[in-house]
Amino acid sequence: MTAEHKLPYKGHAIFPQVVLQENGQYAACFTIKAGYDGSGEVRYVRELPTTEFSNEDDAVAYILDFSADWIDQNLI
């Protein structure tokens, strides 16, 4: 999943970036920005090192779950 891929959620845009590590695990990195199109301020960034998963689908699921919970608790 590329950084250009964005998912809108409650007035924010989630930019997931799943990174395959040298150890074969997938790291769940992402950025949450204000605005459905992501044109607003950066509200949260998760960079390396981060939580790792054995497959890309689990990493994406974690990103979506974490981001939705974070946005729900930190509304603008």
Protein backbone atom coordinates (compact mmCIF):
# COMPACT_ATOMS: atom_id res chain seq x y z
CA MET A 1 0.00 0.00 0.00
CA THR A 2 1.52 3.32 -1.02
CA ALA A 3 1.61 6.64 0.80
CA GLU A 4 -0.67 8.08 -1.92
CA HIS A 5 -3.44 5.70 -0.85
CA LYS A 6 -5.73 7.45 1.61
CA LEU A 7 -8.80 6.39 3.53
CA PRO A 8 -11.29 9.03 4.71
CA TYR A 9 -12.77 8.75 8.21
CA LYS A 10 -14.78 11.36 10.14
CA GLY A 11 -13.18 14.44 8.62
CA HIS A 12 -9.68 12.94 8.48
CA ALA A 13 -7.57 11.03 5.98
CA ILE A 14 -5.56 7.98 6.99
CA PHE A 15 -2.46 7.34 4.91
CA PRO A 16 -1.39 3.72 5.55
CA GLN A 17 2.09 2.54 4.66
CA VAL A 18 2.86 -1.13 5.21
CA VAL A 19 6.61 -1.74 5.11
CA LEU A 20 8.17 -5.18 4.58
CA GLN A 21 11.08 -5.47 7.02
CA GLU A 22 14.32 -7.39 6.49
CA ASN A 23 13.08 -9.98 9.01
CA GLY A 24 10.06 -10.78 6.78
CA GLN A 25 7.58 -9.02 9.06
CA TYR A 26 5.27 -6.20 7.94
CA ALA A 27 5.46 -2.90 9.85
CA ALA A 28 2.28 -0.88 10.24
CA CYS A 29 3.25 2.76 9.58
CA PHE A 30 0.74 5.52 8.92
CA THR A 31 -0.16 9.19 9.09
CA ILE A 32 -3.48 10.77 10.07
CA LYS A 33 -4.21 14.21 8.60
CA ALA A 34 -7.15 16.55 9.06
CA GLY A 35 -9.56 16.85 6.13
CA TYR A 36 -11.12 14.09 4.05
CA ASP A 37 -8.59 14.80 1.31
CA GLY A 38 -5.66 14.98 3.74
CA SER A 39 -5.00 18.64 2.99
CA GLY A 40 -5.10 19.67 6.66
CA GLU A 41 -2.58 19.47 9.45
CA VAL A 42 -0.82 16.27 10.43
CA ARG A 43 -2.55 14.97 13.55
CA TYR A 44 -0.67 11.70 14.18
CA VAL A 45 2.34 9.87 12.71
CA ARG A 46 3.44 6.29 13.34
CA GLU A 47 6.88 5.63 11.87
CA LEU A 48 9.46 2.87 12.22
CA PRO A 49 10.02 1.13 14.53
CA THR A 50 6.43 0.09 15.04
CA THR A 51 4.21 -2.91 15.53
CA GLU A 52 5.07 -5.80 13.18
CA PHE A 53 2.82 -8.45 11.65
CA SER A 54 3.34 -11.69 9.76
CA ASN A 55 1.24 -10.54 6.80
CA GLU A 56 0.19 -7.32 5.08
CA ASP A 57 -3.54 -7.79 5.71
CA ASP A 58 -3.04 -7.91 9.48
CA ALA A 59 -0.90 -4.77 9.33
CA VAL A 60 -3.58 -2.89 7.37
CA ALA A 61 -6.31 -4.08 9.77
CA TYR A 62 -4.24 -2.78 12.70
CA ILE A 63 -3.76 0.59 10.99
CA LEU A 64 -7.49 0.97 10.36
CA ASP A 65 -8.51 -0.12 13.87
CA PHE A 66 -5.92 2.06 15.62
CA SER A 67 -6.62 5.09 13.43
CA ALA A 68 -10.40 4.90 13.86
CA ASP A 69 -10.04 4.60 17.64
CA TRP A 70 -7.56 7.48 17.75
CA ILE A 71 -9.76 9.75 15.62
CA ASP A 72 -12.84 8.88 17.70
CA GLN A 73 -10.96 9.91 20.87
CA ASN A 74 -9.34 13.03 19.39
CA LEU A 75 -11.99 14.76 17.31
CA ILE A 76 -11.23 18.28 16.10
